[in-house]
Amino acid sequence: MGVFDTYPDRYLPRCNSALKTIGTEEVATAEGKFFSAFFFQTGASVSSLMITTGTGYTPTLHTHASCDGAGSWTFAEAPECSAGSAVTAYNMDRTSAITASSATIVSNPTYTTTGTILSRHELPAYTGASEMNHDRVLKASTGYIMEFTPTASARSIISFHFTED
């Protein structure tokens, strides 16, 4: 336990020791169970990144999306999709040999329905960049898609950060 002193001129307590709270991501990184995947695209076409969770796996997903143009962001659950290009999920502990095994991630899948839209954000035309961040606990055995639809040519990047147990 720390010793509390008082500043003589301000009468404010001062602690000469501290307790650090370790966040979930920090623990998961140390255990080799925190992963990151991203997709970057330039142009006027739609860009999307999809994660499908494994059976019995309910990860906490942190999404980060940014762009430098006008358009709309959509995050949806259970879209009907096929194909897409595989995206590697990198272990945030670069010394760990553990690979992501409970989630599949693809970019720009072909889909027939969007599924249930959980959030949508419209971005007006302006000079500069915009971004958004969200944390969600996902359902097991379910697909989720983050999509950017530009109104003109734009650069966009979508990142997923998640833990595995």
N, C-alpha and C. Protein backbone atom coordinates (compact mmCIF):
# COMPACT_ATOMS: atom_id res chain seq x y z
N MET A 1 0.85 -1.17 0.00
CA MET A 1 0.00 0.00 0.00
C MET A 1 0.89 1.23 0.00
N GLY A 2 0.51 2.25 -0.76
CA GLY A 2 1.31 3.46 -0.89
C GLY A 2 1.22 4.36 0.33
N VAL A 3 2.18 5.21 0.44
CA VAL A 3 2.21 6.20 1.51
C VAL A 3 1.73 7.52 0.94
N PHE A 4 0.75 8.13 1.58
CA PHE A 4 0.21 9.40 1.11
C PHE A 4 0.90 10.55 1.82
N ASP A 5 1.38 11.51 1.05
CA ASP A 5 2.00 12.72 1.58
C ASP A 5 1.10 13.88 1.20
N THR A 6 1.37 15.04 1.75
CA THR A 6 0.61 16.23 1.41
C THR A 6 1.57 17.30 0.92
N TYR A 7 1.22 17.90 -0.21
CA TYR A 7 2.01 19.02 -0.68
C TYR A 7 1.79 20.17 0.30
N PRO A 8 2.83 20.76 0.85
CA PRO A 8 2.62 21.81 1.85
C PRO A 8 1.93 23.05 1.30
N ASP A 9 2.12 23.36 0.00
CA ASP A 9 1.53 24.58 -0.52
C ASP A 9 0.13 24.38 -1.11
N ARG A 10 -0.25 23.16 -1.40
CA ARG A 10 -1.54 22.94 -2.04
C ARG A 10 -2.47 22.06 -1.22
N TYR A 11 -1.97 21.38 -0.25
CA TYR A 11 -2.75 20.47 0.58
C TYR A 11 -3.45 19.40 -0.25
N LEU A 12 -2.78 18.92 -1.30
CA LEU A 12 -3.32 17.86 -2.14
C LEU A 12 -2.59 16.56 -1.81
N PRO A 13 -3.30 15.45 -1.73
CA PRO A 13 -2.61 14.19 -1.43
C PRO A 13 -1.75 13.75 -2.61
N ARG A 14 -0.66 13.08 -2.31
CA ARG A 14 0.24 12.55 -3.33
C ARG A 14 0.56 11.12 -2.94
N CYS A 15 0.47 10.20 -3.87
CA CYS A 15 0.75 8.79 -3.61
C CYS A 15 2.11 8.47 -4.21
N ASN A 16 2.99 7.81 -3.43
CA ASN A 16 4.31 7.49 -3.96
C ASN A 16 4.39 6.07 -4.49
N SER A 17 3.24 5.40 -4.66
CA SER A 17 3.20 4.11 -5.32
C SER A 17 1.88 4.02 -6.08
N ALA A 18 1.82 3.10 -7.03
CA ALA A 18 0.61 3.01 -7.85
C ALA A 18 0.34 1.56 -8.21
N LEU A 19 -0.89 1.28 -8.56
CA LEU A 19 -1.32 -0.02 -9.02
C LEU A 19 -1.77 0.16 -10.46
N LYS A 20 -1.25 -0.66 -11.36
CA LYS A 20 -1.61 -0.55 -12.76
C LYS A 20 -2.67 -1.58 -13.09
N THR A 21 -3.73 -1.16 -13.75
CA THR A 21 -4.76 -2.07 -14.23
C THR A 21 -4.37 -2.49 -15.64
N ILE A 22 -4.35 -3.78 -15.88
CA ILE A 22 -3.97 -4.30 -17.19
C ILE A 22 -5.24 -4.56 -17.98
N GLY A 23 -5.32 -3.96 -19.16
CA GLY A 23 -6.50 -4.11 -20.00
C GLY A 23 -6.57 -5.47 -20.66
N THR A 24 -7.76 -5.80 -21.16
CA THR A 24 -7.99 -7.08 -21.81
C THR A 24 -7.04 -7.30 -22.98
N GLU A 25 -6.86 -6.27 -23.82
CA GLU A 25 -5.99 -6.42 -24.97
C GLU A 25 -4.55 -6.66 -24.55
N GLU A 26 -4.12 -6.01 -23.49
CA GLU A 26 -2.76 -6.17 -23.00
C GLU A 26 -2.52 -7.60 -22.52
N VAL A 27 -3.47 -8.16 -21.79
CA VAL A 27 -3.37 -9.54 -21.32
C VAL A 27 -3.39 -10.49 -22.50
N ALA A 28 -4.33 -10.29 -23.43
CA ALA A 28 -4.44 -11.16 -24.60
C ALA A 28 -3.17 -11.09 -25.45
N THR A 29 -2.59 -9.90 -25.59
CA THR A 29 -1.35 -9.77 -26.35
C THR A 29 -0.24 -10.56 -25.68
N ALA A 30 -0.12 -10.43 -24.36
CA ALA A 30 0.91 -11.15 -23.62
C ALA A 30 0.74 -12.66 -23.73
N GLU A 31 -0.49 -13.12 -23.85
CA GLU A 31 -0.77 -14.55 -23.97
C GLU A 31 -0.74 -15.02 -25.43
N GLY A 32 -0.51 -14.10 -26.38
CA GLY A 32 -0.48 -14.47 -27.79
C GLY A 32 -1.85 -14.72 -28.36
N LYS A 33 -2.89 -14.07 -27.82
CA LYS A 33 -4.27 -14.32 -28.26
C LYS A 33 -4.98 -13.06 -28.75
N PHE A 34 -4.24 -12.04 -29.16
CA PHE A 34 -4.83 -10.81 -29.66
C PHE A 34 -4.37 -10.65 -31.10
N PHE A 35 -5.33 -10.48 -32.03
CA PHE A 35 -5.04 -10.48 -33.46
C PHE A 35 -5.54 -9.22 -34.15
N SER A 36 -4.94 -8.92 -35.28
CA SER A 36 -5.30 -7.76 -36.06
C SER A 36 -5.32 -8.13 -37.55
N ALA A 37 -6.33 -7.67 -38.26
CA ALA A 37 -6.43 -7.86 -39.70
C ALA A 37 -6.94 -6.57 -40.32
N PHE A 38 -6.49 -6.26 -41.54
CA PHE A 38 -6.95 -5.02 -42.17
C PHE A 38 -7.05 -5.18 -43.67
N PHE A 39 -7.77 -4.23 -44.29
CA PHE A 39 -7.94 -4.19 -45.73
C PHE A 39 -7.94 -2.74 -46.18
N PHE A 40 -7.18 -2.43 -47.23
CA PHE A 40 -7.04 -1.07 -47.75
C PHE A 40 -7.47 -1.06 -49.20
N GLN A 41 -8.22 -0.03 -49.60
CA GLN A 41 -8.65 0.07 -50.99
C GLN A 41 -8.74 1.53 -51.42
N THR A 42 -8.39 1.78 -52.67
CA THR A 42 -8.50 3.12 -53.26
C THR A 42 -9.39 3.04 -54.48
N GLY A 43 -10.25 4.04 -54.66
CA GLY A 43 -11.10 4.09 -55.84
C GLY A 43 -12.54 4.36 -55.49
N ALA A 44 -13.41 4.20 -56.49
CA ALA A 44 -14.83 4.51 -56.31
C ALA A 44 -15.66 3.25 -56.02
N SER A 45 -15.00 2.10 -55.89
CA SER A 45 -15.76 0.88 -55.65
C SER A 45 -15.94 0.60 -54.16
N VAL A 46 -16.92 -0.22 -53.85
CA VAL A 46 -17.23 -0.60 -52.47
C VAL A 46 -16.09 -1.43 -51.90
N SER A 47 -15.72 -1.17 -50.65
CA SER A 47 -14.71 -2.01 -49.97
C SER A 47 -15.37 -2.62 -48.75
N SER A 48 -15.04 -3.87 -48.48
CA SER A 48 -15.64 -4.53 -47.33
C SER A 48 -14.70 -5.57 -46.73
N LEU A 49 -14.88 -5.81 -45.45
CA LEU A 49 -14.11 -6.80 -44.72
C LEU A 49 -15.11 -7.60 -43.90
N MET A 50 -15.02 -8.93 -43.99
CA MET A 50 -15.97 -9.80 -43.31
C MET A 50 -15.24 -10.74 -42.37
N ILE A 51 -15.78 -10.92 -41.17
CA ILE A 51 -15.26 -11.88 -40.21
C ILE A 51 -16.37 -12.88 -39.91
N THR A 52 -16.03 -14.16 -39.92
CA THR A 52 -16.98 -15.21 -39.56
C THR A 52 -16.42 -15.92 -38.34
N THR A 53 -17.21 -15.95 -37.28
CA THR A 53 -16.76 -16.56 -36.04
C THR A 53 -16.95 -18.07 -36.08
N GLY A 54 -16.14 -18.77 -35.31
CA GLY A 54 -16.22 -20.23 -35.26
C GLY A 54 -17.29 -20.70 -34.29
N THR A 55 -17.53 -22.00 -34.28
CA THR A 55 -18.50 -22.61 -33.38
C THR A 55 -18.07 -22.43 -31.93
N GLY A 56 -18.98 -21.95 -31.11
CA GLY A 56 -18.70 -21.77 -29.69
C GLY A 56 -17.75 -20.64 -29.36
N TYR A 57 -17.46 -19.79 -30.34
CA TYR A 57 -16.49 -18.71 -30.17
C TYR A 57 -17.21 -17.37 -30.22
N THR A 58 -17.15 -16.61 -29.14
CA THR A 58 -17.80 -15.29 -29.08
C THR A 58 -16.75 -14.23 -28.74
N PRO A 59 -16.00 -13.80 -29.74
CA PRO A 59 -14.92 -12.85 -29.48
C PRO A 59 -15.41 -11.43 -29.25
N THR A 60 -14.57 -10.63 -28.61
CA THR A 60 -14.79 -9.20 -28.56
C THR A 60 -14.07 -8.64 -29.77
N LEU A 61 -14.79 -7.93 -30.61
CA LEU A 61 -14.23 -7.38 -31.84
C LEU A 61 -14.18 -5.87 -31.74
N HIS A 62 -13.02 -5.30 -32.02
CA HIS A 62 -12.87 -3.85 -32.11
C HIS A 62 -12.72 -3.53 -33.58
N THR A 63 -13.63 -2.72 -34.12
CA THR A 63 -13.53 -2.32 -35.53
C THR A 63 -13.01 -0.90 -35.61
N HIS A 64 -12.18 -0.66 -36.58
CA HIS A 64 -11.68 0.69 -36.86
C HIS A 64 -11.81 0.89 -38.36
N ALA A 65 -12.43 1.96 -38.75
CA ALA A 65 -12.61 2.26 -40.16
C ALA A 65 -12.28 3.73 -40.41
N SER A 66 -11.58 4.00 -41.49
CA SER A 66 -11.28 5.39 -41.83
C SER A 66 -11.31 5.55 -43.35
N CYS A 67 -11.56 6.79 -43.78
CA CYS A 67 -11.60 7.09 -45.20
C CYS A 67 -11.31 8.56 -45.41
N ASP A 68 -11.02 8.93 -46.64
CA ASP A 68 -10.73 10.33 -46.93
C ASP A 68 -11.72 10.90 -47.95
N GLY A 69 -12.93 10.38 -47.97
CA GLY A 69 -13.93 10.89 -48.90
C GLY A 69 -15.34 10.65 -48.39
N ALA A 70 -16.29 11.15 -49.14
CA ALA A 70 -17.69 11.00 -48.76
C ALA A 70 -18.20 9.60 -49.06
N GLY A 71 -19.18 9.17 -48.29
CA GLY A 71 -19.77 7.85 -48.51
C GLY A 71 -20.50 7.39 -47.27
N SER A 72 -20.68 6.09 -47.14
CA SER A 72 -21.37 5.55 -45.96
C SER A 72 -20.68 4.28 -45.48
N TRP A 73 -20.66 4.12 -44.15
CA TRP A 73 -20.14 2.93 -43.49
C TRP A 73 -21.33 2.12 -43.01
N THR A 74 -21.28 0.81 -43.19
CA THR A 74 -22.33 -0.08 -42.69
C THR A 74 -21.66 -1.27 -41.98
N PHE A 75 -22.20 -1.64 -40.82
CA PHE A 75 -21.76 -2.85 -40.13
C PHE A 75 -22.99 -3.73 -39.98
N ALA A 76 -22.92 -4.96 -40.51
CA ALA A 76 -24.09 -5.83 -40.54
C ALA A 76 -23.76 -7.23 -40.03
N GLU A 77 -24.81 -7.89 -39.54
CA GLU A 77 -24.69 -9.24 -39.01
C GLU A 77 -25.40 -10.23 -39.94
N ALA A 78 -24.80 -11.39 -40.13
CA ALA A 78 -25.37 -12.51 -40.89
C ALA A 78 -25.70 -12.17 -42.34
N PRO A 79 -24.75 -11.57 -43.08
CA PRO A 79 -24.99 -11.36 -44.51
C PRO A 79 -24.87 -12.70 -45.25
N GLU A 80 -25.53 -12.81 -46.39
CA GLU A 80 -25.39 -14.01 -47.22
C GLU A 80 -24.25 -13.72 -48.19
N CYS A 81 -23.10 -14.35 -47.96
CA CYS A 81 -21.89 -14.06 -48.72
C CYS A 81 -21.23 -15.33 -49.24
N SER A 82 -20.40 -15.14 -50.23
CA SER A 82 -19.54 -16.22 -50.73
C SER A 82 -18.25 -15.63 -51.25
N ALA A 83 -17.26 -16.45 -51.35
CA ALA A 83 -15.95 -16.09 -51.90
C ALA A 83 -15.27 -14.97 -51.11
N GLY A 84 -14.60 -14.09 -51.81
CA GLY A 84 -13.80 -13.06 -51.16
C GLY A 84 -12.35 -13.50 -51.11
N SER A 85 -11.48 -12.58 -50.84
CA SER A 85 -10.04 -12.87 -50.74
C SER A 85 -9.66 -13.02 -49.28
N ALA A 86 -8.96 -14.09 -48.96
CA ALA A 86 -8.54 -14.34 -47.58
C ALA A 86 -7.65 -13.22 -47.08
N VAL A 87 -7.87 -12.82 -45.84
CA VAL A 87 -7.06 -11.78 -45.19
C VAL A 87 -6.40 -12.42 -43.97
N THR A 88 -5.10 -12.21 -43.84
CA THR A 88 -4.36 -12.77 -42.71
C THR A 88 -4.60 -11.96 -41.45
N ALA A 89 -4.87 -12.66 -40.35
CA ALA A 89 -4.97 -12.02 -39.04
C ALA A 89 -3.62 -12.20 -38.37
N TYR A 90 -2.96 -11.10 -38.06
CA TYR A 90 -1.62 -11.14 -37.46
C TYR A 90 -1.71 -11.13 -35.94
N ASN A 91 -0.89 -11.98 -35.31
CA ASN A 91 -0.80 -12.01 -33.86
C ASN A 91 -0.08 -10.74 -33.41
N MET A 92 -0.67 -10.03 -32.45
CA MET A 92 -0.05 -8.80 -31.97
C MET A 92 1.20 -9.06 -31.14
N ASP A 93 1.39 -10.29 -30.67
CA ASP A 93 2.65 -10.70 -30.04
C ASP A 93 3.47 -11.33 -31.14
N ARG A 94 4.37 -10.58 -31.72
CA ARG A 94 5.13 -11.04 -32.89
C ARG A 94 6.11 -12.16 -32.54
N THR A 95 6.30 -12.46 -31.26
CA THR A 95 7.18 -13.58 -30.88
C THR A 95 6.39 -14.87 -30.70
N SER A 96 5.07 -14.80 -30.79
CA SER A 96 4.21 -15.97 -30.58
C SER A 96 3.98 -16.71 -31.89
N ALA A 97 3.91 -18.03 -31.80
CA ALA A 97 3.64 -18.87 -32.97
C ALA A 97 2.14 -19.17 -33.09
N ILE A 98 1.33 -18.67 -32.17
CA ILE A 98 -0.12 -18.92 -32.19
C ILE A 98 -0.75 -18.17 -33.36
N THR A 99 -1.61 -18.86 -34.10
CA THR A 99 -2.33 -18.22 -35.21
C THR A 99 -3.82 -18.18 -34.89
N ALA A 100 -4.52 -17.25 -35.53
CA ALA A 100 -5.97 -17.13 -35.32
C ALA A 100 -6.64 -18.37 -35.91
N SER A 101 -7.41 -19.07 -35.11
CA SER A 101 -8.03 -20.30 -35.58
C SER A 101 -9.55 -20.31 -35.45
N SER A 102 -10.10 -19.35 -34.72
CA SER A 102 -11.54 -19.35 -34.47
C SER A 102 -12.32 -18.38 -35.34
N ALA A 103 -11.65 -17.68 -36.23
CA ALA A 103 -12.34 -16.71 -37.08
C ALA A 103 -11.74 -16.76 -38.49
N THR A 104 -12.59 -16.55 -39.48
CA THR A 104 -12.16 -16.48 -40.87
C THR A 104 -12.43 -15.05 -41.34
N ILE A 105 -11.45 -14.45 -42.01
CA ILE A 105 -11.61 -13.06 -42.47
C ILE A 105 -11.34 -13.01 -43.97
N VAL A 106 -12.24 -12.35 -44.70
CA VAL A 106 -12.09 -12.16 -46.14
C VAL A 106 -12.41 -10.71 -46.50
N SER A 107 -11.82 -10.27 -47.59
CA SER A 107 -12.12 -8.92 -48.10
C SER A 107 -12.99 -9.03 -49.34
N ASN A 108 -13.82 -8.04 -49.53
CA ASN A 108 -14.70 -7.92 -50.69
C ASN A 108 -15.41 -9.21 -51.10
N PRO A 109 -16.14 -9.84 -50.17
CA PRO A 109 -16.90 -11.03 -50.56
C PRO A 109 -18.08 -10.65 -51.45
N THR A 110 -18.56 -11.62 -52.21
CA THR A 110 -19.76 -11.42 -53.01
C THR A 110 -20.95 -11.78 -52.14
N TYR A 111 -21.93 -10.88 -52.03
CA TYR A 111 -23.07 -11.21 -51.20
C TYR A 111 -24.38 -10.81 -51.86
N THR A 112 -25.42 -11.57 -51.48
CA THR A 112 -26.74 -11.34 -52.05
C THR A 112 -27.62 -10.50 -51.13
N THR A 113 -27.43 -10.64 -49.81
CA THR A 113 -28.15 -9.80 -48.86
C THR A 113 -27.18 -9.28 -47.82
N THR A 114 -27.44 -8.08 -47.33
CA THR A 114 -26.58 -7.44 -46.35
C THR A 114 -26.73 -8.05 -44.96
N GLY A 115 -27.88 -8.65 -44.66
CA GLY A 115 -28.14 -9.15 -43.31
C GLY A 115 -28.76 -8.06 -42.46
N THR A 116 -28.62 -8.17 -41.16
CA THR A 116 -29.17 -7.19 -40.23
C THR A 116 -28.17 -6.06 -40.04
N ILE A 117 -28.54 -4.85 -40.41
CA ILE A 117 -27.64 -3.70 -40.26
C ILE A 117 -27.63 -3.28 -38.79
N LEU A 118 -26.46 -3.36 -38.18
CA LEU A 118 -26.32 -2.99 -36.76
C LEU A 118 -25.94 -1.53 -36.59
N SER A 119 -25.25 -0.97 -37.58
CA SER A 119 -24.93 0.47 -37.53
C SER A 119 -24.65 0.97 -38.94
N ARG A 120 -24.95 2.25 -39.14
CA ARG A 120 -24.71 2.89 -40.44
C ARG A 120 -24.32 4.33 -40.16
N HIS A 121 -23.29 4.81 -40.87
CA HIS A 121 -22.80 6.17 -40.68
C HIS A 121 -22.61 6.81 -42.04
N GLU A 122 -23.21 7.96 -42.22
CA GLU A 122 -23.08 8.73 -43.46
C GLU A 122 -21.97 9.76 -43.30
N LEU A 123 -21.11 9.87 -44.28
CA LEU A 123 -20.02 10.84 -44.26
C LEU A 123 -20.22 11.87 -45.36
N PRO A 124 -20.32 13.15 -45.01
CA PRO A 124 -20.51 14.19 -46.02
C PRO A 124 -19.23 14.44 -46.81
N ALA A 125 -19.38 15.08 -47.95
CA ALA A 125 -18.21 15.44 -48.75
C ALA A 125 -17.49 16.60 -48.09
N TYR A 126 -16.21 16.45 -47.84
CA TYR A 126 -15.39 17.51 -47.25
C TYR A 126 -13.93 17.13 -47.45
N THR A 127 -13.06 18.06 -47.15
CA THR A 127 -11.64 17.80 -47.27
C THR A 127 -11.14 17.29 -45.91
N GLY A 128 -10.43 16.21 -45.93
CA GLY A 128 -9.92 15.64 -44.68
C GLY A 128 -10.25 14.17 -44.60
N ALA A 129 -10.12 13.62 -43.42
CA ALA A 129 -10.39 12.20 -43.23
C ALA A 129 -11.35 12.03 -42.06
N SER A 130 -12.04 10.91 -42.04
CA SER A 130 -12.91 10.60 -40.92
C SER A 130 -12.68 9.16 -40.51
N GLU A 131 -13.01 8.87 -39.27
CA GLU A 131 -12.85 7.50 -38.80
C GLU A 131 -13.90 7.20 -37.75
N MET A 132 -14.09 5.90 -37.50
CA MET A 132 -15.00 5.47 -36.45
C MET A 132 -14.45 4.21 -35.81
N ASN A 133 -14.77 4.02 -34.55
CA ASN A 133 -14.32 2.87 -33.79
C ASN A 133 -15.49 2.31 -33.01
N HIS A 134 -15.61 1.00 -32.96
CA HIS A 134 -16.67 0.34 -32.19
C HIS A 134 -16.13 -0.94 -31.58
N ASP A 135 -16.66 -1.31 -30.42
CA ASP A 135 -16.37 -2.59 -29.79
C ASP A 135 -17.67 -3.37 -29.70
N ARG A 136 -17.59 -4.66 -30.04
CA ARG A 136 -18.77 -5.51 -30.00
C ARG A 136 -18.38 -6.91 -29.53
N VAL A 137 -19.30 -7.58 -28.85
CA VAL A 137 -19.13 -9.00 -28.56
C VAL A 137 -19.97 -9.73 -29.60
N LEU A 138 -19.32 -10.59 -30.38
CA LEU A 138 -19.99 -11.24 -31.50
C LEU A 138 -20.61 -12.57 -31.11
N LYS A 139 -21.62 -12.99 -31.87
CA LYS A 139 -22.24 -14.30 -31.69
C LYS A 139 -21.33 -15.37 -32.30
N ALA A 140 -21.45 -16.58 -31.78
CA ALA A 140 -20.71 -17.71 -32.35
C ALA A 140 -21.32 -18.11 -33.69
N SER A 141 -20.50 -18.67 -34.56
CA SER A 141 -20.93 -19.21 -35.86
C SER A 141 -21.73 -18.21 -36.69
N THR A 142 -21.29 -16.96 -36.71
CA THR A 142 -22.02 -15.89 -37.41
C THR A 142 -21.04 -15.03 -38.20
N GLY A 143 -21.50 -14.55 -39.34
CA GLY A 143 -20.68 -13.65 -40.15
C GLY A 143 -21.05 -12.20 -39.87
N TYR A 144 -20.05 -11.32 -39.95
CA TYR A 144 -20.24 -9.88 -39.79
C TYR A 144 -19.46 -9.18 -40.89
N ILE A 145 -20.02 -8.11 -41.42
CA ILE A 145 -19.34 -7.40 -42.50
C ILE A 145 -19.31 -5.90 -42.23
N MET A 146 -18.17 -5.28 -42.48
CA MET A 146 -18.00 -3.83 -42.41
C MET A 146 -17.77 -3.39 -43.85
N GLU A 147 -18.58 -2.43 -44.30
CA GLU A 147 -18.51 -2.02 -45.70
C GLU A 147 -18.47 -0.50 -45.82
N PHE A 148 -17.65 -0.01 -46.75
CA PHE A 148 -17.61 1.41 -47.08
C PHE A 148 -18.07 1.57 -48.53
N THR A 149 -19.09 2.41 -48.74
CA THR A 149 -19.58 2.71 -50.08
C THR A 149 -19.28 4.17 -50.36
N PRO A 150 -18.28 4.47 -51.21
CA PRO A 150 -17.94 5.86 -51.49
C PRO A 150 -18.90 6.48 -52.50
N THR A 151 -19.09 7.80 -52.42
CA THR A 151 -19.89 8.50 -53.41
C THR A 151 -19.02 8.97 -54.57
N ALA A 152 -17.73 8.97 -54.37
CA ALA A 152 -16.75 9.30 -55.41
C ALA A 152 -15.47 8.53 -55.07
N SER A 153 -14.43 8.76 -55.80
CA SER A 153 -13.17 8.07 -55.52
C SER A 153 -12.66 8.44 -54.12
N ALA A 154 -12.26 7.44 -53.36
CA ALA A 154 -11.79 7.65 -52.00
C ALA A 154 -10.85 6.52 -51.60
N ARG A 155 -10.07 6.76 -50.56
CA ARG A 155 -9.24 5.71 -49.96
C ARG A 155 -9.92 5.28 -48.67
N SER A 156 -9.95 3.99 -48.42
CA SER A 156 -10.55 3.51 -47.18
C SER A 156 -9.71 2.39 -46.60
N ILE A 157 -9.74 2.27 -45.29
CA ILE A 157 -9.07 1.16 -44.61
C ILE A 157 -10.01 0.66 -43.52
N ILE A 158 -10.12 -0.65 -43.42
CA ILE A 158 -10.95 -1.28 -42.41
C ILE A 158 -10.05 -2.21 -41.61
N SER A 159 -10.09 -2.10 -40.30
CA SER A 159 -9.28 -2.96 -39.43
C SER A 159 -10.17 -3.67 -38.43
N PHE A 160 -9.87 -4.94 -38.20
CA PHE A 160 -10.51 -5.73 -37.15
C PHE A 160 -9.43 -6.11 -36.14
N HIS A 161 -9.69 -5.95 -34.87
CA HIS A 161 -8.81 -6.39 -33.79
C HIS A 161 -9.66 -7.27 -32.89
N PHE A 162 -9.19 -8.48 -32.60
CA PHE A 162 -10.01 -9.39 -31.80
C PHE A 162 -9.15 -10.33 -30.96
N THR A 163 -9.80 -10.89 -29.94
CA THR A 163 -9.12 -11.83 -29.05
C THR A 163 -9.64 -13.24 -29.30
N GLU A 164 -8.82 -14.23 -29.02
CA GLU A 164 -9.22 -15.63 -29.07
C GLU A 164 -8.92 -16.26 -27.73
N ASP A 165 -9.81 -17.10 -27.27
CA ASP A 165 -9.59 -17.86 -26.04
C ASP A 165 -9.44 -19.33 -26.33
